[in-house]
């Protein structure tokens, strides 16, 4: 299901206007939309435990930052040993 067309994307303006020489920009709002101006930057997204680095490419544009910083670990399924 896609997002309604009347809702505008959530964008942090300070992030777009910031200098690209900043080494560590941490985003705490995972619902922020990735814009074309962020291509080539490395943004750190906080997942609740630690910041996860994300190198923004043109394929990330339009997605949310939260889609690339998972908050839960994958479940490990134990293999059954033969007796």
PDB file of N, CA and C in Angstrom:
ATOM      1  N   UNK A   1       0.843  -1.164   0.000  1.00  0.00           N
ATOM      2  CA  UNK A   1       0.000   0.000   0.000  1.00  0.00           C
ATOM      3  C   UNK A   1       0.896   1.238   0.000  1.00  0.00           C
ATOM      4  N   UNK A   2       0.648   2.169  -0.891  1.00  0.00           N
ATOM      5  CA  UNK A   2       1.486   3.354  -0.989  1.00  0.00           C
ATOM      6  C   UNK A   2       0.969   4.474  -0.099  1.00  0.00           C
ATOM      7  N   UNK A   3       1.834   5.425   0.130  1.00  0.00           N
ATOM      8  CA  UNK A   3       1.490   6.571   0.967  1.00  0.00           C
ATOM      9  C   UNK A   3       0.540   7.480   0.210  1.00  0.00           C
ATOM     10  N   UNK A   4      -0.409   8.086   0.910  1.00  0.00           N
ATOM     11  CA  UNK A   4      -1.390   8.967   0.279  1.00  0.00           C
ATOM     12  C   UNK A   4      -0.694  10.155  -0.366  1.00  0.00           C
ATOM     13  N   UNK A   5      -1.214  10.609  -1.500  1.00  0.00           N
ATOM     14  CA  UNK A   5      -0.570  11.680  -2.251  1.00  0.00           C
ATOM     15  C   UNK A   5      -0.675  13.036  -1.563  1.00  0.00           C
ATOM     16  N   UNK A   6      -1.629  13.235  -0.677  1.00  0.00           N
ATOM     17  CA  UNK A   6      -1.774  14.531  -0.035  1.00  0.00           C
ATOM     18  C   UNK A   6      -0.833  14.711   1.142  1.00  0.00           C
ATOM     19  N   UNK A   7      -0.194  13.634   1.588  1.00  0.00           N
ATOM     20  CA  UNK A   7       0.764  13.733   2.681  1.00  0.00           C
ATOM     21  C   UNK A   7       2.131  14.120   2.113  1.00  0.00           C
ATOM     22  N   UNK A   8       2.734  15.127   2.706  1.00  0.00           N
ATOM     23  CA  UNK A   8       4.040  15.555   2.225  1.00  0.00           C
ATOM     24  C   UNK A   8       5.126  14.724   2.896  1.00  0.00           C
ATOM     25  N   UNK A   9       6.299  14.548   2.241  1.00  0.00           N
ATOM     26  CA  UNK A   9       7.367  13.768   2.867  1.00  0.00           C
ATOM     27  C   UNK A   9       8.003  14.532   4.021  1.00  0.00           C
ATOM     28  N   UNK A  10       8.452  13.806   5.019  1.00  0.00           N
ATOM     29  CA  UNK A  10       9.119  14.394   6.183  1.00  0.00           C
ATOM     30  C   UNK A  10      10.590  14.576   5.827  1.00  0.00           C
ATOM     31  N   UNK A  11      11.061  15.830   5.782  1.00  0.00           N
ATOM     32  CA  UNK A  11      12.426  16.151   5.382  1.00  0.00           C
ATOM     33  C   UNK A  11      13.053  17.032   6.452  1.00  0.00           C
ATOM     34  N   UNK A  12      14.310  16.759   6.789  1.00  0.00           N
ATOM     35  CA  UNK A  12      15.055  17.616   7.711  1.00  0.00           C
ATOM     36  C   UNK A  12      15.843  18.612   6.868  1.00  0.00           C
ATOM     37  N   UNK A  13      15.491  19.884   6.951  1.00  0.00           N
ATOM     38  CA  UNK A  13      16.123  20.894   6.115  1.00  0.00           C
ATOM     39  C   UNK A  13      17.570  21.151   6.525  1.00  0.00           C
ATOM     40  N   UNK A  14      17.881  21.087   7.804  1.00  0.00           N
ATOM     41  CA  UNK A  14      19.254  21.309   8.248  1.00  0.00           C
ATOM     42  C   UNK A  14      20.202  20.254   7.700  1.00  0.00           C
ATOM     43  N   UNK A  15      19.694  19.072   7.449  1.00  0.00           N
ATOM     44  CA  UNK A  15      20.514  17.993   6.923  1.00  0.00           C
ATOM     45  C   UNK A  15      20.887  18.263   5.476  1.00  0.00           C
ATOM     46  N   UNK A  16      19.972  18.815   4.690  1.00  0.00           N
ATOM     47  CA  UNK A  16      20.251  19.096   3.286  1.00  0.00           C
ATOM     48  C   UNK A  16      21.199  20.275   3.123  1.00  0.00           C
ATOM     49  N   UNK A  17      21.084  21.261   3.988  1.00  0.00           N
ATOM     50  CA  UNK A  17      21.900  22.458   3.858  1.00  0.00           C
ATOM     51  C   UNK A  17      23.244  22.342   4.566  1.00  0.00           C
ATOM     52  N   UNK A  18      23.488  21.233   5.254  1.00  0.00           N
ATOM     53  CA  UNK A  18      24.727  21.094   6.002  1.00  0.00           C
ATOM     54  C   UNK A  18      25.899  20.881   5.046  1.00  0.00           C
ATOM     55  N   UNK A  19      27.084  21.230   5.532  1.00  0.00           N
ATOM     56  CA  UNK A  19      28.299  21.067   4.747  1.00  0.00           C
ATOM     57  C   UNK A  19      28.630  19.585   4.630  1.00  0.00           C
ATOM     58  N   UNK A  20      29.090  19.147   3.468  1.00  0.00           N
ATOM     59  CA  UNK A  20      29.374  17.735   3.250  1.00  0.00           C
ATOM     60  C   UNK A  20      30.662  17.283   3.921  1.00  0.00           C
ATOM     61  N   UNK A  21      31.413  18.204   4.513  1.00  0.00           N
ATOM     62  CA  UNK A  21      32.660  17.817   5.154  1.00  0.00           C
ATOM     63  C   UNK A  21      32.445  17.326   6.576  1.00  0.00           C
ATOM     64  N   UNK A  22      31.227  17.423   7.072  1.00  0.00           N
ATOM     65  CA  UNK A  22      30.943  16.930   8.420  1.00  0.00           C
ATOM     66  C   UNK A  22      31.091  15.413   8.414  1.00  0.00           C
ATOM     67  N   UNK A  23      31.884  14.906   9.315  1.00  0.00           N
ATOM     68  CA  UNK A  23      32.196  13.479   9.310  1.00  0.00           C
ATOM     69  C   UNK A  23      31.058  12.618   9.822  1.00  0.00           C
ATOM     70  N   UNK A  24      30.324  13.106  10.812  1.00  0.00           N
ATOM     71  CA  UNK A  24      29.337  12.240  11.459  1.00  0.00           C
ATOM     72  C   UNK A  24      28.045  12.996  11.694  1.00  0.00           C
ATOM     73  N   UNK A  25      27.044  12.725  10.876  1.00  0.00           N
ATOM     74  CA  UNK A  25      25.715  13.295  11.045  1.00  0.00           C
ATOM     75  C   UNK A  25      24.801  12.166  11.488  1.00  0.00           C
ATOM     76  N   UNK A  26      24.233  12.282  12.703  1.00  0.00           N
ATOM     77  CA  UNK A  26      23.384  11.223  13.245  1.00  0.00           C
ATOM     78  C   UNK A  26      21.932  11.648  13.134  1.00  0.00           C
ATOM     79  N   UNK A  27      21.103  10.766  12.563  1.00  0.00           N
ATOM     80  CA  UNK A  27      19.673  11.000  12.406  1.00  0.00           C
ATOM     81  C   UNK A  27      18.954  10.161  13.462  1.00  0.00           C
ATOM     82  N   UNK A  28      18.113  10.786  14.257  1.00  0.00           N
ATOM     83  CA  UNK A  28      17.323  10.072  15.240  1.00  0.00           C
ATOM     84  C   UNK A  28      15.888   9.872  14.769  1.00  0.00           C
ATOM     85  N   UNK A  29      15.476  10.567  13.715  1.00  0.00           N
ATOM     86  CA  UNK A  29      14.120  10.441  13.186  1.00  0.00           C
ATOM     87  C   UNK A  29      14.162   9.524  11.970  1.00  0.00           C
ATOM     88  N   UNK A  30      13.768   8.281  12.190  1.00  0.00           N
ATOM     89  CA  UNK A  30      13.860   7.279  11.138  1.00  0.00           C
ATOM     90  C   UNK A  30      12.816   7.470  10.044  1.00  0.00           C
ATOM     91  N   UNK A  31      11.800   8.325  10.287  1.00  0.00           N
ATOM     92  CA  UNK A  31      10.750   8.519   9.290  1.00  0.00           C
ATOM     93  C   UNK A  31      11.123   9.579   8.253  1.00  0.00           C
ATOM     94  N   UNK A  32      12.334  10.111   8.342  1.00  0.00           N
ATOM     95  CA  UNK A  32      12.787  11.132   7.404  1.00  0.00           C
ATOM     96  C   UNK A  32      12.997  10.529   6.026  1.00  0.00           C
ATOM     97  N   UNK A  33      12.511  11.210   4.991  1.00  0.00           N
ATOM     98  CA  UNK A  33      12.638  10.746   3.612  1.00  0.00           C
ATOM     99  C   UNK A  33      14.001  11.135   3.054  1.00  0.00           C
ATOM    100  N   UNK A  34      14.605  10.248   2.291  1.00  0.00           N
ATOM    101  CA  UNK A  34      15.897  10.511   1.660  1.00  0.00           C
ATOM    102  C   UNK A  34      15.657  11.298   0.378  1.00  0.00           C
ATOM    103  N   UNK A  35      16.339  12.432   0.230  1.00  0.00           N
ATOM    104  CA  UNK A  35      16.177  13.308  -0.932  1.00  0.00           C
ATOM    105  C   UNK A  35      17.399  13.210  -1.839  1.00  0.00           C
ATOM    106  N   UNK A  36      17.281  13.668  -3.101  1.00  0.00           N
ATOM    107  CA  UNK A  36      18.416  13.597  -4.031  1.00  0.00           C
ATOM    108  C   UNK A  36      19.637  14.413  -3.594  1.00  0.00           C
ATOM    109  N   UNK A  37      19.453  15.431  -2.766  1.00  0.00           N
ATOM    110  CA  UNK A  37      20.590  16.240  -2.315  1.00  0.00           C
ATOM    111  C   UNK A  37      21.521  15.478  -1.381  1.00  0.00           C
ATOM    112  N   UNK A  38      21.080  14.373  -0.822  1.00  0.00           N
ATOM    113  CA  UNK A  38      21.874  13.597   0.130  1.00  0.00           C
ATOM    114  C   UNK A  38      22.724  12.526  -0.539  1.00  0.00           C
ATOM    115  N   UNK A  39      22.654  12.393  -1.866  1.00  0.00           N
ATOM    116  CA  UNK A  39      23.411  11.356  -2.578  1.00  0.00           C
ATOM    117  C   UNK A  39      24.903  11.589  -2.373  1.00  0.00           C
ATOM    118  N   UNK A  40      25.597  10.544  -2.007  1.00  0.00           N
ATOM    119  CA  UNK A  40      27.030  10.600  -1.794  1.00  0.00           C
ATOM    120  C   UNK A  40      27.439  10.830  -0.354  1.00  0.00           C
ATOM    121  N   UNK A  41      26.519  11.164   0.509  1.00  0.00           N
ATOM    122  CA  UNK A  41      26.841  11.398   1.910  1.00  0.00           C
ATOM    123  C   UNK A  41      26.722  10.103   2.713  1.00  0.00           C
ATOM    124  N   UNK A  42      27.472  10.028   3.788  1.00  0.00           N
ATOM    125  CA  UNK A  42      27.330   8.933   4.739  1.00  0.00           C
ATOM    126  C   UNK A  42      26.586   9.477   5.942  1.00  0.00           C
ATOM    127  N   UNK A  43      25.400   8.938   6.192  1.00  0.00           N
ATOM    128  CA  UNK A  43      24.540   9.382   7.280  1.00  0.00           C
ATOM    129  C   UNK A  43      24.459   8.250   8.294  1.00  0.00           C
ATOM    130  N   UNK A  44      24.523   8.592   9.566  1.00  0.00           N
ATOM    131  CA  UNK A  44      24.389   7.608  10.633  1.00  0.00           C
ATOM    132  C   UNK A  44      22.957   7.663  11.163  1.00  0.00           C
ATOM    133  N   UNK A  45      22.262   6.522  11.123  1.00  0.00           N
ATOM    134  CA  UNK A  45      20.880   6.429  11.580  1.00  0.00           C
ATOM    135  C   UNK A  45      20.860   5.636  12.878  1.00  0.00           C
ATOM    136  N   UNK A  46      20.261   6.210  13.904  1.00  0.00           N
ATOM    137  CA  UNK A  46      20.208   5.575  15.218  1.00  0.00           C
ATOM    138  C   UNK A  46      19.116   4.519  15.228  1.00  0.00           C
ATOM    139  N   UNK A  47      19.466   3.277  15.584  1.00  0.00           N
ATOM    140  CA  UNK A  47      18.491   2.195  15.576  1.00  0.00           C
ATOM    141  C   UNK A  47      17.998   1.827  16.969  1.00  0.00           C
ATOM    142  N   UNK A  48      18.303   2.647  17.977  1.00  0.00           N
ATOM    143  CA  UNK A  48      17.886   2.370  19.336  1.00  0.00           C
ATOM    144  C   UNK A  48      19.010   1.860  20.199  1.00  0.00           C
ATOM    145  N   UNK A  49      20.064   1.354  19.580  1.00  0.00           N
ATOM    146  CA  UNK A  49      21.211   0.840  20.310  1.00  0.00           C
ATOM    147  C   UNK A  49      22.486   1.580  19.934  1.00  0.00           C
ATOM    148  N   UNK A  50      22.721   1.717  18.638  1.00  0.00           N
ATOM    149  CA  UNK A  50      23.916   2.402  18.150  1.00  0.00           C
ATOM    150  C   UNK A  50      23.629   2.994  16.769  1.00  0.00           C
ATOM    151  N   UNK A  51      24.399   3.980  16.347  1.00  0.00           N
ATOM    152  CA  UNK A  51      24.220   4.550  15.005  1.00  0.00           C
ATOM    153  C   UNK A  51      24.733   3.596  13.926  1.00  0.00           C
ATOM    154  N   UNK A  52      23.945   3.422  12.876  1.00  0.00           N
ATOM    155  CA  UNK A  52      24.291   2.554  11.755  1.00  0.00           C
ATOM    156  C   UNK A  52      24.671   3.448  10.570  1.00  0.00           C
ATOM    157  N   UNK A  53      25.880   3.280   9.973  1.00  0.00           N
ATOM    158  CA  UNK A  53      26.254   4.126   8.829  1.00  0.00           C
ATOM    159  C   UNK A  53      25.529   3.688   7.555  1.00  0.00           C
ATOM    160  N   UNK A  54      25.020   4.674   6.815  1.00  0.00           N
ATOM    161  CA  UNK A  54      24.349   4.415   5.544  1.00  0.00           C
ATOM    162  C   UNK A  54      24.965   5.327   4.492  1.00  0.00           C
ATOM    163  N   UNK A  55      25.538   4.748   3.456  1.00  0.00           N
ATOM    164  CA  UNK A  55      26.079   5.505   2.332  1.00  0.00           C
ATOM    165  C   UNK A  55      24.932   5.689   1.344  1.00  0.00           C
ATOM    166  N   UNK A  56      24.464   6.918   1.167  1.00  0.00           N
ATOM    167  CA  UNK A  56      23.281   7.206   0.359  1.00  0.00           C
ATOM    168  C   UNK A  56      23.651   7.167  -1.121  1.00  0.00           C
ATOM    169  N   UNK A  57      22.926   6.354  -1.889  1.00  0.00           N
ATOM    170  CA  UNK A  57      23.090   6.288  -3.341  1.00  0.00           C
ATOM    171  C   UNK A  57      21.786   6.697  -3.996  1.00  0.00           C
ATOM    172  N   UNK A  58      21.785   6.717  -5.310  1.00  0.00           N
ATOM    173  CA  UNK A  58      20.578   7.146  -6.023  1.00  0.00           C
ATOM    174  C   UNK A  58      19.434   6.148  -5.880  1.00  0.00           C
ATOM    175  N   UNK A  59      19.729   4.922  -5.494  1.00  0.00           N
ATOM    176  CA  UNK A  59      18.684   3.922  -5.306  1.00  0.00           C
ATOM    177  C   UNK A  59      17.934   4.115  -3.990  1.00  0.00           C
ATOM    178  N   UNK A  60      18.520   4.857  -3.049  1.00  0.00           N
ATOM    179  CA  UNK A  60      17.894   5.103  -1.755  1.00  0.00           C
ATOM    180  C   UNK A  60      16.889   6.248  -1.782  1.00  0.00           C
ATOM    181  N   UNK A  61      16.906   7.071  -2.821  1.00  0.00           N
ATOM    182  CA  UNK A  61      16.064   8.269  -2.874  1.00  0.00           C
ATOM    183  C   UNK A  61      14.586   7.874  -2.857  1.00  0.00           C
ATOM    184  N   UNK A  62      13.813   8.522  -1.983  1.00  0.00           N
ATOM    185  CA  UNK A  62      12.390   8.252  -1.853  1.00  0.00           C
ATOM    186  C   UNK A  62      12.053   7.317  -0.710  1.00  0.00           C
ATOM    187  N   UNK A  63      13.027   6.557  -0.234  1.00  0.00           N
ATOM    188  CA  UNK A  63      12.808   5.660   0.892  1.00  0.00           C
ATOM    189  C   UNK A  63      13.009   6.415   2.198  1.00  0.00           C
ATOM    190  N   UNK A  64      12.654   5.783   3.299  1.00  0.00           N
ATOM    191  CA  UNK A  64      12.878   6.333   4.632  1.00  0.00           C
ATOM    192  C   UNK A  64      14.210   5.798   5.179  1.00  0.00           C
ATOM    193  N   UNK A  65      14.835   6.570   6.069  1.00  0.00           N
ATOM    194  CA  UNK A  65      16.081   6.118   6.681  1.00  0.00           C
ATOM    195  C   UNK A  65      15.874   4.865   7.514  1.00  0.00           C
ATOM    196  N   UNK A  66      14.714   4.700   8.110  1.00  0.00           N
ATOM    197  CA  UNK A  66      14.435   3.547   8.956  1.00  0.00           C
ATOM    198  C   UNK A  66      14.425   2.223   8.212  1.00  0.00           C
ATOM    199  N   UNK A  67      14.245   2.266   6.901  1.00  0.00           N
ATOM    200  CA  UNK A  67      14.222   1.030   6.118  1.00  0.00           C
ATOM    201  C   UNK A  67      15.605   0.406   6.005  1.00  0.00           C
ATOM    202  N   UNK A  68      16.657   1.194   6.231  1.00  0.00           N
ATOM    203  CA  UNK A  68      18.021   0.708   6.052  1.00  0.00           C
ATOM    204  C   UNK A  68      18.752   0.478   7.365  1.00  0.00           C
ATOM    205  N   UNK A  69      18.145   0.843   8.489  1.00  0.00           N
ATOM    206  CA  UNK A  69      18.747   0.603   9.800  1.00  0.00           C
ATOM    207  C   UNK A  69      17.785  -0.254  10.606  1.00  0.00           C
ATOM    208  N   UNK A  70      17.995  -1.553  10.565  1.00  0.00           N
ATOM    209  CA  UNK A  70      17.092  -2.486  11.227  1.00  0.00           C
ATOM    210  C   UNK A  70      17.242  -2.397  12.740  1.00  0.00           C
ATOM    211  N   UNK A  71      16.130  -2.565  13.450  1.00  0.00           N
ATOM    212  CA  UNK A  71      16.136  -2.444  14.903  1.00  0.00           C
ATOM    213  C   UNK A  71      16.146  -3.796  15.605  1.00  0.00           C
ATOM    214  N   UNK A  72      15.886  -4.852  14.894  1.00  0.00           N
ATOM    215  CA  UNK A  72      15.842  -6.185  15.497  1.00  0.00           C
ATOM    216  C   UNK A  72      16.815  -7.107  14.787  1.00  0.00           C
ATOM    217  N   UNK A  73      17.343  -8.063  15.533  1.00  0.00           N
ATOM    218  CA  UNK A  73      18.244  -9.039  14.950  1.00  0.00           C
ATOM    219  C   UNK A  73      17.447 -10.128  14.243  1.00  0.00           C
ATOM    220  N   UNK A  74      18.053 -10.744  13.254  1.00  0.00           N
ATOM    221  CA  UNK A  74      17.407 -11.852  12.574  1.00  0.00           C
ATOM    222  C   UNK A  74      17.428 -13.074  13.481  1.00  0.00           C
ATOM    223  N   UNK A  75      16.372 -13.832  13.421  1.00  0.00           N
ATOM    224  CA  UNK A  75      16.270 -15.039  14.241  1.00  0.00           C
ATOM    225  C   UNK A  75      17.158 -16.130  13.654  1.00  0.00           C
ATOM    226  N   UNK A  76      17.921 -16.762  14.518  1.00  0.00           N
ATOM    227  CA  UNK A  76      18.767 -17.877  14.089  1.00  0.00           C
ATOM    228  C   UNK A  76      18.008 -19.164  14.338  1.00  0.00           C
ATOM    229  N   UNK A  77      17.865 -19.959  13.313  1.00  0.00           N
ATOM    230  CA  UNK A  77      17.152 -21.225  13.439  1.00  0.00           C
ATOM    231  C   UNK A  77      18.194 -22.313  13.695  1.00  0.00           C
ATOM    232  N   UNK A  78      18.043 -22.995  14.799  1.00  0.00           N
ATOM    233  CA  UNK A  78      18.987 -24.056  15.170  1.00  0.00           C
ATOM    234  C   UNK A  78      18.813 -25.245  14.227  1.00  0.00           C
ATOM    235  N   UNK A  79      19.912 -25.772  13.784  1.00  0.00           N
ATOM    236  CA  UNK A  79      19.851 -26.951  12.926  1.00  0.00           C
ATOM    237  C   UNK A  79      19.770 -28.211  13.791  1.00  0.00           C
ATOM    238  N   UNK A  80      19.021 -29.159  13.336  1.00  0.00           N
ATOM    239  CA  UNK A  80      18.868 -30.405  14.071  1.00  0.00           C
ATOM    240  C   UNK A  80      20.024 -31.342  13.726  1.00  0.00           C
ATOM    241  N   UNK A  81      20.633 -31.890  14.743  1.00  0.00           N
ATOM    242  CA  UNK A  81      21.739 -32.824  14.517  1.00  0.00           C
ATOM    243  C   UNK A  81      21.205 -34.242  14.428  1.00  0.00           C
ATOM    244  N   UNK A  82      21.792 -35.000  13.534  1.00  0.00           N
ATOM    245  CA  UNK A  82      21.386 -36.407  13.404  1.00  0.00           C
ATOM    246  C   UNK A  82      22.004 -37.209  14.533  1.00  0.00           C
ATOM    247  N   UNK A  83      21.223 -38.120  15.078  1.00  0.00           N
ATOM    248  CA  UNK A  83      21.703 -38.958  16.178  1.00  0.00           C
ATOM    249  C   UNK A  83      22.297 -40.232  15.679  1.00  0.00           C
TER     250      UNK A  83
END
